[in-house]
């Protein structure tokens, strides 16, 4: 009992400091704004609440259980009659492993203090060498995953008939049926015009196939490229709304014709960069249309209104579904329209008759038919006209490709009032970088203030904060050599790393300062602190590593690139 009480008193300061560090690190995470804050708020608050209750348990439940369960160890060797306890064997194995690590760490410790200037110089060189590898670390909003689905978006030339669109869909479907990993597919035609179609291909789970969804897309691209007059884009997973591509760019300006010219130049630059499997534009060549311009005097003469003429035209061409057929509780629309024979030629529209006070009369008696070009679909963002470019990446990552495109676009003739900005995933990524950056800076400042208050010194807090800076050397080198990207998950891990590094440093420095007050030299005091707290530091670090290790292995439904 006395040992449990004395042990609790000895580590009380370190426990309070470690708990406070966790609170000041995770509270900024819980207060982040933007889209990332929507799901990080629950995570941050959960850690804060768990940390507070763990502090309560560490000063009450844990000492009580230690006093109740822990006994003095009998190191005498058991005789033949002694019972075998596998738990004791496990503890002995762990102790031997920790003692081996401590022995090896002592060699590193002595080497560092034997060449202190060289050690500091190496750290400085490694830190500044990060600027050479940072451009090669991919940067994206979230890590790309295999979603067991591929979406094929098809767009035929303006004015194409539904039969022509269905014919191309049939060609693609025949190719999809030959994909061994495909389980089913669904074709939808007519989204914003009969010239548009979408084919969604479901794949077997990633764990049951050798090729990833990207490999399958790469195999389909040569076939899709040989289909004439069709603009086809292939995407991983399901559609992501208006910003469907990996890279989405809005081109804005004053004159719409100038915007069209700039968007076409930008699209050509994107296609020639070699990073995209396909690039699409929201601007489409305007469709041809037939306009009916009514003569108001003739309408009054024949007693016909504009609404009657419009309703007759629509019913004749698209059909009328006012009538309903009912059978056994079910209702079926009855579509009444002109025979296709009478709507094959544009001139046939002039033969459509309208009921008037003087009987049936051809529509040309009430006005004139005019062939013209329809107004194109104009996208707006923040009350500005924009043209959206969607790029689907075939290699590299979002952050690096953005930098490449910015360099390419510098040569384009952007006048005053014209420009472009990244939207969609790029917009989310920039917002997330800002929010996590603010959380990181706030966590570092609050941690330094907390440590200065607990240690009653701003000087002793500096080594702890420098250990945070040096820990990021390993982070960026690990991302570089393992081929991982900088994304929302890795940035969140970097913020959490502040808490872990500071906790370990507190454990070491707390005991070191205690020995220094007793007159022990600095180097010896540091070794005594590292030796005494070596087991605790290994345990906390190993617990974090094993806990996060579960999220690094690919699952059947979520295999990371």
Protein backbone atom coordinates (compact mmCIF):
# COMPACT_ATOMS: atom_id res chain seq x y z
CA UNK A 1 0.00 0.00 0.00
CA UNK A 2 2.77 2.41 0.97
CA UNK A 3 4.60 1.59 -2.28
CA UNK A 4 1.48 2.44 -4.31
CA UNK A 5 1.05 5.73 -2.45
CA UNK A 6 4.72 6.68 -2.78
CA UNK A 7 4.73 5.74 -6.48
CA UNK A 8 1.64 7.85 -7.13
CA UNK A 9 3.21 10.85 -5.39
CA UNK A 10 6.42 10.42 -7.38
CA UNK A 11 4.72 10.52 -10.79
CA UNK A 12 1.93 12.95 -9.88
CA UNK A 13 3.65 15.90 -11.54
CA UNK A 14 4.43 13.98 -14.71
CA UNK A 15 0.88 12.59 -14.90
CA UNK A 16 -0.62 16.05 -14.51
CA UNK A 17 1.69 17.44 -17.18
CA UNK A 18 0.95 14.56 -19.59
CA UNK A 19 -2.79 14.91 -19.04
CA UNK A 20 -2.66 18.66 -19.54
CA UNK A 21 -0.65 18.16 -22.74
CA UNK A 22 -3.28 15.80 -24.16
CA UNK A 23 -5.99 18.32 -23.35
CA UNK A 24 -4.26 21.29 -25.02
CA UNK A 25 -3.43 19.14 -28.08
CA UNK A 26 -6.87 17.64 -28.67
CA UNK A 27 -9.02 20.64 -27.73
CA UNK A 28 -7.88 22.58 -30.85
CA UNK A 29 -8.71 19.49 -32.93
CA UNK A 30 -12.23 19.47 -31.49
CA UNK A 31 -12.64 23.17 -32.33
CA UNK A 32 -11.58 22.99 -36.00
CA UNK A 33 -13.96 24.51 -38.55
CA UNK A 34 -14.78 23.66 -42.12
CA UNK A 35 -15.70 20.25 -43.48
CA UNK A 36 -12.92 18.56 -41.50
CA UNK A 37 -14.32 19.99 -38.29
CA UNK A 38 -17.64 18.23 -38.87
CA UNK A 39 -16.20 14.82 -38.09
CA UNK A 40 -13.11 15.81 -36.04
CA UNK A 41 -15.18 17.50 -33.35
CA UNK A 42 -16.50 14.20 -31.99
CA UNK A 43 -13.03 12.65 -32.17
CA UNK A 44 -11.34 15.50 -30.29
CA UNK A 45 -13.99 15.74 -27.58
CA UNK A 46 -13.97 11.97 -27.06
CA UNK A 47 -10.20 12.02 -26.44
CA UNK A 48 -10.57 14.99 -24.07
CA UNK A 49 -13.27 13.27 -22.03
CA UNK A 50 -11.34 10.00 -21.97
CA UNK A 51 -8.18 11.84 -20.82
CA UNK A 52 -10.03 13.53 -17.95
CA UNK A 53 -11.46 10.24 -16.73
CA UNK A 54 -8.08 8.55 -17.10
CA UNK A 55 -6.60 11.24 -14.82
CA UNK A 56 -9.24 10.42 -12.24
CA UNK A 57 -8.52 6.71 -12.57
CA UNK A 58 -4.73 7.17 -12.38
CA UNK A 59 -5.00 8.82 -8.94
CA UNK A 60 -7.69 6.54 -7.53
CA UNK A 61 -8.43 3.22 -9.20
CA UNK A 62 -4.93 2.41 -10.49
CA UNK A 63 -3.08 2.85 -7.14
CA UNK A 64 -5.78 0.88 -5.36
CA UNK A 65 -5.53 -2.03 -7.80
CA UNK A 66 -1.71 -1.94 -7.62
CA UNK A 67 -1.82 -2.18 -3.84
CA UNK A 68 -4.30 -5.04 -4.07
CA UNK A 69 -2.80 -7.13 -6.87
CA UNK A 70 0.95 -6.52 -6.95
CA UNK A 71 3.13 -8.64 -4.70
CA UNK A 72 6.81 -8.76 -3.98
CA UNK A 73 8.59 -10.79 -6.64
CA UNK A 74 10.36 -13.95 -5.47
CA UNK A 75 13.45 -14.21 -7.65
CA UNK A 76 14.50 -17.54 -6.20
CA UNK A 77 14.51 -20.31 -8.77
CA UNK A 78 11.68 -22.77 -8.41
CA UNK A 79 12.50 -26.35 -7.65
CA UNK A 80 11.14 -29.33 -9.48
CA UNK A 81 8.02 -29.18 -7.37
CA UNK A 82 7.36 -25.54 -8.32
CA UNK A 83 4.31 -24.77 -10.47
CA UNK A 84 4.75 -23.45 -14.00
CA UNK A 85 3.19 -20.02 -14.61
CA UNK A 86 3.15 -18.90 -18.28
CA UNK A 87 2.40 -15.33 -17.21
CA UNK A 88 5.67 -15.16 -15.32
CA UNK A 89 7.48 -16.47 -18.40
CA UNK A 90 5.87 -13.71 -20.51
CA UNK A 91 6.88 -11.06 -18.00
CA UNK A 92 10.41 -12.43 -17.92
CA UNK A 93 10.58 -12.38 -21.74
CA UNK A 94 9.37 -8.76 -21.87
CA UNK A 95 11.83 -7.74 -19.15
CA UNK A 96 14.70 -9.31 -21.03
CA UNK A 97 13.63 -7.53 -24.23
CA UNK A 98 13.43 -4.14 -22.51
CA UNK A 99 16.79 -4.66 -20.83
CA UNK A 100 18.32 -5.52 -24.21
CA UNK A 101 16.86 -2.34 -25.76
CA UNK A 102 18.09 -0.29 -22.82
CA UNK A 103 21.59 -1.70 -23.22
CA UNK A 104 21.62 -0.83 -26.92
CA UNK A 105 20.22 2.62 -26.19
CA UNK A 106 23.07 3.21 -23.72
CA UNK A 107 25.54 2.76 -26.58
CA UNK A 108 23.66 5.35 -28.66
CA UNK A 109 23.40 7.65 -25.63
CA UNK A 110 27.15 7.53 -24.97
CA UNK A 111 27.91 8.07 -28.67
CA UNK A 112 25.71 11.20 -28.77
CA UNK A 113 27.45 12.75 -25.78
CA UNK A 114 30.84 11.76 -27.10
CA UNK A 115 30.20 13.80 -30.26
CA UNK A 116 27.61 16.44 -29.24
CA UNK A 117 28.48 19.00 -31.91
CA UNK A 118 28.39 16.38 -34.65
CA UNK A 119 24.99 15.18 -33.41
CA UNK A 120 23.54 18.69 -33.49
CA UNK A 121 25.02 19.30 -36.94
CA UNK A 122 23.53 16.08 -38.31
CA UNK A 123 20.10 17.03 -36.96
CA UNK A 124 20.32 20.48 -38.54
CA UNK A 125 21.36 18.99 -41.89
CA UNK A 126 18.53 16.45 -41.78
CA UNK A 127 16.00 19.13 -40.87
CA UNK A 128 16.95 21.45 -43.74
CA UNK A 129 17.21 18.51 -46.16
CA UNK A 130 13.45 18.14 -45.85
CA UNK A 131 13.02 20.94 -48.38
CA UNK A 132 14.49 18.66 -51.05
CA UNK A 133 12.08 15.76 -50.44
CA UNK A 134 8.91 17.71 -49.62
CA UNK A 135 8.07 18.41 -53.32
CA UNK A 136 8.05 14.64 -53.95
CA UNK A 137 5.61 13.80 -51.16
CA UNK A 138 2.11 13.53 -52.59
CA UNK A 139 -0.46 15.96 -51.20
CA UNK A 140 -4.18 15.18 -51.33
CA UNK A 141 -7.37 15.66 -49.32
CA UNK A 142 -7.79 12.03 -48.31
CA UNK A 143 -5.97 8.81 -49.23
CA UNK A 144 -7.39 7.23 -52.36
CA UNK A 145 -9.03 3.87 -51.83
CA UNK A 146 -10.32 1.03 -53.95
CA UNK A 147 -14.12 1.37 -53.79
CA UNK A 148 -14.89 -1.77 -55.85
CA UNK A 149 -16.67 0.36 -58.44
CA UNK A 150 -15.88 2.19 -61.67
CA UNK A 151 -17.98 4.93 -63.25
CA UNK A 152 -17.86 5.50 -67.03
CA UNK A 153 -19.26 8.89 -68.08
CA UNK A 154 -20.14 9.19 -71.76
CA UNK A 155 -20.97 12.32 -73.76
CA UNK A 156 -21.86 12.29 -77.44
CA UNK A 157 -21.85 15.35 -79.75
CA UNK A 158 -24.65 17.86 -79.29
CA UNK A 159 -27.77 16.88 -81.17
CA UNK A 160 -27.10 13.14 -81.06
CA UNK A 161 -30.17 10.95 -80.89
CA UNK A 162 -30.87 8.55 -78.08
CA UNK A 163 -30.39 5.65 -80.47
CA UNK A 164 -26.85 6.80 -81.23
CA UNK A 165 -26.05 7.16 -77.53
CA UNK A 166 -27.47 3.71 -76.79
CA UNK A 167 -25.38 2.25 -79.60
CA UNK A 168 -22.16 3.51 -78.01
CA UNK A 169 -23.36 2.30 -74.59
CA UNK A 170 -23.87 -1.15 -76.07
CA UNK A 171 -20.28 -1.19 -77.37
CA UNK A 172 -18.97 -0.24 -73.90
CA UNK A 173 -21.23 -2.81 -72.20
CA UNK A 174 -19.87 -5.58 -74.41
CA UNK A 175 -16.35 -4.62 -73.34
CA UNK A 176 -17.36 -4.42 -69.66
CA UNK A 177 -18.81 -7.94 -69.81
CA UNK A 178 -15.33 -9.21 -70.70
CA UNK A 179 -13.80 -7.81 -67.49
CA UNK A 180 -13.32 -10.83 -65.22
CA UNK A 181 -13.51 -8.69 -62.06
CA UNK A 182 -16.88 -7.13 -63.01
CA UNK A 183 -19.98 -8.51 -61.28
CA UNK A 184 -22.67 -6.21 -62.72
CA UNK A 185 -23.22 -2.89 -64.45
CA UNK A 186 -25.97 -0.30 -64.72
CA UNK A 187 -26.47 2.09 -67.64
CA UNK A 188 -28.35 5.38 -67.27
CA UNK A 189 -29.08 7.53 -70.35
CA UNK A 190 -30.54 11.03 -70.52
CA UNK A 191 -28.88 12.95 -67.67
CA UNK A 192 -29.13 16.57 -68.90
CA UNK A 193 -29.74 15.45 -72.47
CA UNK A 194 -30.02 12.21 -74.45
CA UNK A 195 -26.40 12.61 -75.56
CA UNK A 196 -25.19 11.90 -71.99
CA UNK A 197 -24.95 8.48 -70.35
CA UNK A 198 -23.35 6.90 -67.29
CA UNK A 199 -22.32 3.27 -66.86
CA UNK A 200 -21.61 2.13 -63.29
CA UNK A 201 -19.56 -1.07 -63.08
CA UNK A 202 -19.48 -3.03 -59.82
CA UNK A 203 -16.34 -5.09 -59.13
CA UNK A 204 -15.67 -8.03 -56.87
CA UNK A 205 -14.17 -7.08 -53.48
CA UNK A 206 -10.57 -5.89 -53.74
CA UNK A 207 -9.34 -8.74 -51.55
CA UNK A 208 -10.61 -11.25 -54.12
CA UNK A 209 -8.92 -9.79 -57.22
CA UNK A 210 -5.37 -9.23 -58.30
CA UNK A 211 -5.94 -5.98 -60.21
CA UNK A 212 -6.88 -2.73 -58.50
CA UNK A 213 -9.59 -0.47 -59.86
CA UNK A 214 -6.89 1.82 -61.28
CA UNK A 215 -5.33 -1.11 -63.16
CA UNK A 216 -8.71 -1.97 -64.66
CA UNK A 217 -9.28 1.66 -65.70
CA UNK A 218 -5.84 1.79 -67.32
CA UNK A 219 -6.72 -1.36 -69.28
CA UNK A 220 -10.00 0.20 -70.49
CA UNK A 221 -8.56 3.53 -71.63
CA UNK A 222 -7.09 2.31 -75.00
CA UNK A 223 -10.42 0.72 -75.92
CA UNK A 224 -12.45 3.81 -74.94
CA UNK A 225 -10.09 6.08 -76.90
CA UNK A 226 -10.92 4.22 -80.14
CA UNK A 227 -14.66 4.95 -79.93
CA UNK A 228 -15.36 7.78 -82.43
CA UNK A 229 -17.20 11.01 -81.55
CA UNK A 230 -17.51 10.05 -77.88
CA UNK A 231 -16.02 11.99 -74.96
CA UNK A 232 -15.50 9.41 -72.22
CA UNK A 233 -14.16 9.77 -68.70
CA UNK A 234 -13.50 6.98 -66.21
CA UNK A 235 -13.59 7.56 -62.47
CA UNK A 236 -13.06 5.46 -59.37
CA UNK A 237 -16.08 4.85 -57.17
CA UNK A 238 -19.37 6.69 -57.43
CA UNK A 239 -20.00 10.20 -58.74
CA UNK A 240 -18.94 12.98 -56.33
CA UNK A 241 -21.52 15.58 -57.28
CA UNK A 242 -20.84 18.62 -59.42
CA UNK A 243 -17.06 18.42 -58.80
CA UNK A 244 -16.54 14.88 -60.05
CA UNK A 245 -12.91 14.99 -61.13
CA UNK A 246 -9.76 14.62 -59.07
CA UNK A 247 -8.80 18.16 -60.13
CA UNK A 248 -11.65 20.67 -60.61
CA UNK A 249 -10.96 24.17 -61.92
CA UNK A 250 -13.37 27.08 -62.36
CA UNK A 251 -12.46 29.59 -65.06
CA UNK A 252 -14.03 33.01 -64.49
CA UNK A 253 -13.99 36.32 -66.31
CA UNK A 254 -15.97 39.16 -67.84
CA UNK A 255 -16.57 38.19 -71.47
CA UNK A 256 -17.93 34.67 -71.90
CA UNK A 257 -16.32 34.17 -75.32
CA UNK A 258 -12.92 35.03 -73.83
CA UNK A 259 -13.61 32.55 -70.99
CA UNK A 260 -14.33 29.84 -73.57
CA UNK A 261 -11.02 30.55 -75.30
CA UNK A 262 -9.06 30.43 -72.02
CA UNK A 263 -10.79 27.23 -70.88
CA UNK A 264 -9.93 25.48 -74.13
CA UNK A 265 -6.28 26.52 -73.80
CA UNK A 266 -6.21 25.29 -70.19
CA UNK A 267 -7.85 22.03 -71.17
CA UNK A 268 -5.21 21.48 -73.85
CA UNK A 269 -2.45 22.18 -71.30
CA UNK A 270 -3.96 19.66 -68.90
CA UNK A 271 -4.21 16.98 -71.58
CA UNK A 272 -0.62 17.55 -72.68
CA UNK A 273 0.74 17.41 -69.10
CA UNK A 274 0.52 13.60 -69.04
CA UNK A 275 -1.05 13.44 -65.57
CA UNK A 276 -4.66 12.97 -66.66
CA UNK A 277 -6.46 10.05 -68.21
CA UNK A 278 -9.23 12.41 -69.36
CA UNK A 279 -10.24 16.07 -69.07
CA UNK A 280 -13.79 17.39 -69.55
CA UNK A 281 -15.27 20.89 -69.75
CA UNK A 282 -18.67 22.14 -68.66
CA UNK A 283 -18.86 24.30 -71.79
CA UNK A 284 -20.52 22.50 -74.68
CA UNK A 285 -21.12 23.72 -78.20
CA UNK A 286 -24.63 25.20 -78.27
CA UNK A 287 -27.36 22.99 -79.69
CA UNK A 288 -29.35 23.93 -82.76
CA UNK A 289 -32.99 24.63 -82.09
CA UNK A 290 -36.18 25.66 -83.84
CA UNK A 291 -37.86 28.70 -82.35
CA UNK A 292 -41.53 29.61 -82.84
CA UNK A 293 -42.11 33.37 -82.83
CA UNK A 294 -45.85 34.04 -82.42
CA UNK A 295 -47.65 36.86 -84.18
CA UNK A 296 -49.82 38.50 -81.52
CA UNK A 297 -52.27 39.93 -84.05
CA UNK A 298 -52.83 36.49 -85.57
CA UNK A 299 -53.30 34.95 -82.11
CA UNK A 300 -56.01 37.50 -81.32
CA UNK A 301 -57.61 36.99 -84.72
CA UNK A 302 -57.88 33.22 -84.24
CA UNK A 303 -58.64 33.37 -80.52
CA UNK A 304 -55.55 31.40 -79.48
CA UNK A 305 -53.24 32.07 -76.53
CA UNK A 306 -49.49 31.57 -76.24
CA UNK A 307 -50.07 28.82 -73.67
CA UNK A 308 -52.28 26.88 -76.07
CA UNK A 309 -49.63 27.04 -78.81
CA UNK A 310 -46.88 25.98 -76.44
CA UNK A 311 -48.94 23.11 -75.03
CA UNK A 312 -49.79 21.85 -78.53
CA UNK A 313 -46.14 21.92 -79.62
CA UNK A 314 -44.95 20.10 -76.52
CA UNK A 315 -47.68 17.45 -76.70
CA UNK A 316 -46.99 16.82 -80.37
CA UNK A 317 -43.22 16.41 -79.98
CA UNK A 318 -42.74 15.06 -76.45
CA UNK A 319 -46.17 13.61 -75.86
CA UNK A 320 -48.98 14.16 -73.40
CA UNK A 321 -49.37 12.12 -70.18
CA UNK A 322 -52.59 13.62 -68.81
CA UNK A 323 -54.42 10.31 -69.25
CA UNK A 324 -53.82 7.45 -66.80
CA UNK A 325 -54.62 3.74 -67.15
CA UNK A 326 -55.62 1.99 -63.92
CA UNK A 327 -55.57 -1.74 -63.34
CA UNK A 328 -55.62 -3.68 -60.03
CA UNK A 329 -54.75 -0.58 -58.00
CA UNK A 330 -51.83 0.39 -60.22
CA UNK A 331 -51.67 3.51 -62.39
CA UNK A 332 -49.85 3.74 -65.71
CA UNK A 333 -49.28 6.97 -67.65
CA UNK A 334 -50.59 7.02 -71.20
CA UNK A 335 -48.26 9.01 -73.42
CA UNK A 336 -49.96 10.34 -76.56
CA UNK A 337 -47.61 11.78 -79.18
CA UNK A 338 -47.27 12.16 -82.94
CA UNK A 339 -46.02 9.24 -84.94
CA UNK A 340 -42.24 9.36 -85.50
CA UNK A 341 -42.89 9.61 -89.23
CA UNK A 342 -44.26 13.13 -88.72
CA UNK A 343 -41.35 14.41 -86.56
CA UNK A 344 -38.35 13.18 -88.53
CA UNK A 345 -37.79 16.41 -90.48
CA UNK A 346 -37.72 19.91 -89.01
CA UNK A 347 -40.16 21.13 -91.66
CA UNK A 348 -42.78 18.73 -90.29
CA UNK A 349 -43.20 21.01 -87.27
CA UNK A 350 -44.86 23.58 -89.54
CA UNK A 351 -47.61 21.06 -90.31
CA UNK A 352 -48.69 20.75 -86.67
CA UNK A 353 -52.24 22.10 -86.32
CA UNK A 354 -53.73 24.11 -83.47
CA UNK A 355 -57.43 24.28 -82.53
CA UNK A 356 -58.81 27.82 -82.86
CA UNK A 357 -62.17 29.55 -83.02
CA UNK A 358 -62.06 29.06 -86.78
CA UNK A 359 -61.15 25.36 -86.64
CA UNK A 360 -57.80 23.58 -87.03
CA UNK A 361 -55.09 25.74 -88.52
CA UNK A 362 -51.38 25.04 -89.14
CA UNK A 363 -49.05 26.58 -86.63
CA UNK A 364 -47.32 28.62 -89.32
CA UNK A 365 -50.52 30.70 -89.58
CA UNK A 366 -49.94 31.97 -86.04
CA UNK A 367 -46.26 32.92 -86.36
CA UNK A 368 -42.95 32.01 -87.92
CA UNK A 369 -40.53 29.13 -87.33
CA UNK A 370 -36.87 30.11 -87.07
CA UNK A 371 -33.76 27.92 -86.93
CA UNK A 372 -31.22 29.28 -84.47
CA UNK A 373 -28.57 28.31 -81.94
CA UNK A 374 -29.68 27.64 -78.37
CA UNK A 375 -28.12 29.37 -75.41
CA UNK A 376 -25.44 27.15 -73.79
CA UNK A 377 -25.73 25.96 -70.21
CA UNK A 378 -23.89 28.51 -68.08
CA UNK A 379 -22.54 27.52 -64.68
CA UNK A 380 -22.43 30.04 -61.85
CA UNK A 381 -20.34 30.16 -58.68
CA UNK A 382 -20.70 32.99 -56.15
CA UNK A 383 -22.84 34.90 -58.68
CA UNK A 384 -20.08 34.72 -61.29
CA UNK A 385 -20.20 32.87 -64.60
CA UNK A 386 -17.70 30.03 -64.64
CA UNK A 387 -16.57 27.21 -66.89
CA UNK A 388 -15.70 24.04 -64.99
CA UNK A 389 -12.77 21.83 -66.05
CA UNK A 390 -12.69 18.32 -64.61
CA UNK A 391 -9.45 16.32 -64.70
CA UNK A 392 -9.15 12.63 -63.79
CA UNK A 393 -5.65 11.77 -62.60
CA UNK A 394 -3.80 8.79 -64.03
CA UNK A 395 -0.70 9.27 -61.85
CA UNK A 396 0.77 11.45 -59.10
CA UNK A 397 -1.37 13.27 -56.52
CA UNK A 398 -3.49 16.38 -56.28
CA UNK A 399 -1.02 18.71 -54.54
CA UNK A 400 1.88 18.06 -56.90
CA UNK A 401 -0.26 18.28 -60.04
CA UNK A 402 -1.68 21.62 -58.90
CA UNK A 403 1.84 23.05 -58.72
CA UNK A 404 2.62 21.70 -62.21
CA UNK A 405 -0.57 23.19 -63.67
CA UNK A 406 0.08 26.57 -62.06
CA UNK A 407 3.43 26.69 -63.84
CA UNK A 408 1.83 25.69 -67.15
CA UNK A 409 -0.96 28.26 -66.85
CA UNK A 410 1.47 31.15 -66.31
CA UNK A 411 2.00 31.35 -70.08
CA UNK A 412 -1.71 31.85 -70.83
CA UNK A 413 -3.03 35.35 -71.65
CA UNK A 414 -5.03 36.08 -68.48
CA UNK A 415 -6.13 39.70 -68.61
CA UNK A 416 -7.43 41.78 -65.73
CA UNK A 417 -10.72 40.32 -64.48
CA UNK A 418 -9.96 36.81 -65.76
CA UNK A 419 -8.53 33.93 -63.79
CA UNK A 420 -9.14 30.49 -62.36
CA UNK A 421 -9.42 28.78 -58.99
CA UNK A 422 -9.44 25.20 -57.76
CA UNK A 423 -12.69 23.81 -56.36
CA UNK A 424 -13.99 20.43 -55.23
CA UNK A 425 -11.37 18.22 -53.59
CA UNK A 426 -8.73 20.93 -54.02
CA UNK A 427 -10.93 23.38 -52.15
CA UNK A 428 -11.52 20.90 -49.34
CA UNK A 429 -7.81 20.15 -49.15
CA UNK A 430 -6.82 23.81 -48.86
CA UNK A 431 -9.45 24.40 -46.19
CA UNK A 432 -8.30 21.33 -44.27
CA UNK A 433 -4.65 22.38 -44.46
CA UNK A 434 -5.54 25.75 -42.97
CA UNK A 435 -7.67 24.30 -40.18
CA UNK A 436 -5.18 21.60 -39.18
CA UNK A 437 -2.34 24.13 -39.44
CA UNK A 438 -4.14 26.45 -37.02
CA UNK A 439 -4.83 23.52 -34.68
CA UNK A 440 -1.16 22.52 -34.78
CA UNK A 441 0.14 26.03 -34.05
CA UNK A 442 -2.37 26.48 -31.25
CA UNK A 443 -1.45 23.08 -29.76
CA UNK A 444 2.27 23.96 -29.79
CA UNK A 445 1.69 27.37 -28.16
CA UNK A 446 -0.62 25.99 -25.46
CA UNK A 447 1.75 23.09 -24.80
CA UNK A 448 4.68 25.46 -24.30
CA UNK A 449 2.62 27.67 -21.96
CA UNK A 450 1.46 24.65 -19.96
CA UNK A 451 4.95 23.21 -19.61
CA UNK A 452 6.38 26.57 -18.60
CA UNK A 453 3.73 26.86 -15.89
CA UNK A 454 4.20 23.30 -14.59
CA UNK A 455 8.02 23.39 -14.67
CA UNK A 456 8.08 27.01 -13.46
CA UNK A 457 10.61 27.73 -16.17
CA UNK A 458 10.47 28.68 -19.82
CA UNK A 459 13.99 27.38 -20.38
CA UNK A 460 13.27 23.77 -19.47
CA UNK A 461 10.27 23.81 -21.80
CA UNK A 462 12.45 24.57 -24.83
CA UNK A 463 14.16 21.13 -25.01
CA UNK A 464 10.74 19.49 -24.94
CA UNK A 465 9.45 21.66 -27.78
CA UNK A 466 12.65 21.08 -29.79
CA UNK A 467 12.03 17.34 -29.48
CA UNK A 468 8.70 17.95 -31.25
CA UNK A 469 10.49 19.68 -34.14
CA UNK A 470 13.08 16.92 -34.53
CA UNK A 471 10.37 14.23 -34.47
CA UNK A 472 8.97 15.62 -37.73
CA UNK A 473 12.22 14.74 -39.47
CA UNK A 474 11.29 11.09 -39.10
CA UNK A 475 7.70 11.77 -40.15
CA UNK A 476 8.55 13.32 -43.52
CA UNK A 477 11.32 10.86 -44.32
CA UNK A 478 8.94 7.98 -43.53
CA UNK A 479 6.26 9.43 -45.83
CA UNK A 480 8.84 9.88 -48.58
CA UNK A 481 10.44 6.43 -48.46
CA UNK A 482 7.18 4.55 -47.87
CA UNK A 483 5.47 6.34 -50.76
CA UNK A 484 2.63 7.68 -48.60
CA UNK A 485 0.85 10.99 -49.16
CA UNK A 486 0.25 14.04 -47.01
CA UNK A 487 -3.48 13.97 -46.38
CA UNK A 488 -6.03 14.65 -43.69
CA UNK A 489 -5.13 11.46 -41.80
CA UNK A 490 -1.36 12.04 -41.82
CA UNK A 491 -1.75 15.68 -40.81
CA UNK A 492 -4.01 14.68 -37.92
CA UNK A 493 -1.37 12.15 -36.87
CA UNK A 494 1.23 14.93 -36.84
CA UNK A 495 -0.91 16.97 -34.46
CA UNK A 496 -1.34 13.92 -32.22
CA UNK A 497 2.42 13.35 -32.36
CA UNK A 498 2.90 16.58 -30.43
CA UNK A 499 1.11 15.06 -27.45
CA UNK A 500 3.01 11.77 -27.61
CA UNK A 501 6.46 13.35 -27.93
CA UNK A 502 5.78 15.84 -25.15
CA UNK A 503 4.50 13.12 -22.81
CA UNK A 504 7.65 11.05 -23.30
CA UNK A 505 9.87 14.11 -22.87
CA UNK A 506 8.08 15.05 -19.65
CA UNK A 507 8.67 11.60 -18.20
CA UNK A 508 12.38 11.85 -18.93
CA UNK A 509 12.89 15.49 -17.92
CA UNK A 510 10.91 15.27 -14.69
CA UNK A 511 13.20 12.64 -13.18
CA UNK A 512 16.30 14.31 -14.69
CA UNK A 513 15.53 17.62 -12.95
CA UNK A 514 14.97 15.77 -9.69
CA UNK A 515 18.44 14.21 -9.89
CA UNK A 516 20.03 17.50 -10.94
CA UNK A 517 18.68 19.11 -7.77
CA UNK A 518 20.46 16.36 -5.81
CA UNK A 519 23.77 17.45 -7.39
CA UNK A 520 24.08 14.76 -10.06
CA UNK A 521 25.89 15.94 -13.26
CA UNK A 522 23.69 16.71 -16.26
CA UNK A 523 24.81 13.78 -18.41
CA UNK A 524 24.47 11.26 -15.60
CA UNK A 525 21.13 12.75 -14.56
CA UNK A 526 19.86 12.43 -18.12
CA UNK A 527 20.89 8.79 -18.25
CA UNK A 528 19.27 8.08 -14.89
CA UNK A 529 16.07 9.71 -16.14
CA UNK A 530 16.15 7.78 -19.41
CA UNK A 531 17.00 4.52 -17.64
CA UNK A 532 14.35 4.92 -14.95
CA UNK A 533 11.57 5.96 -17.38
CA UNK A 534 12.69 3.75 -20.29
CA UNK A 535 10.03 1.13 -19.63
CA UNK A 536 7.21 3.70 -19.37
CA UNK A 537 8.29 5.46 -22.57
CA UNK A 538 8.51 2.14 -24.46
CA UNK A 539 5.09 1.07 -23.16
CA UNK A 540 3.30 4.29 -24.15
CA UNK A 541 4.99 4.45 -27.56
CA UNK A 542 4.35 0.76 -28.26
CA UNK A 543 0.68 1.13 -27.27
CA UNK A 544 0.23 3.98 -29.77
CA UNK A 545 2.10 2.09 -32.50
CA UNK A 546 0.10 -1.12 -32.05
CA UNK A 547 -3.16 0.82 -31.88
CA UNK A 548 -2.44 2.66 -35.14
CA UNK A 549 -1.02 -0.43 -36.82
CA UNK A 550 -4.54 -1.83 -37.21
CA UNK A 551 -5.40 1.07 -39.54
CA UNK A 552 -2.37 0.56 -41.80
CA UNK A 553 -3.34 -2.90 -43.09
CA UNK A 554 -5.75 -2.87 -46.07
CA UNK A 555 -9.22 -4.23 -45.46
CA UNK A 556 -11.38 -6.01 -48.05
CA UNK A 557 -13.48 -2.87 -48.57
CA UNK A 558 -10.79 -0.24 -48.18
CA UNK A 559 -7.46 -0.92 -49.81
CA UNK A 560 -5.30 2.19 -49.81
CA UNK A 561 -3.28 3.06 -52.84
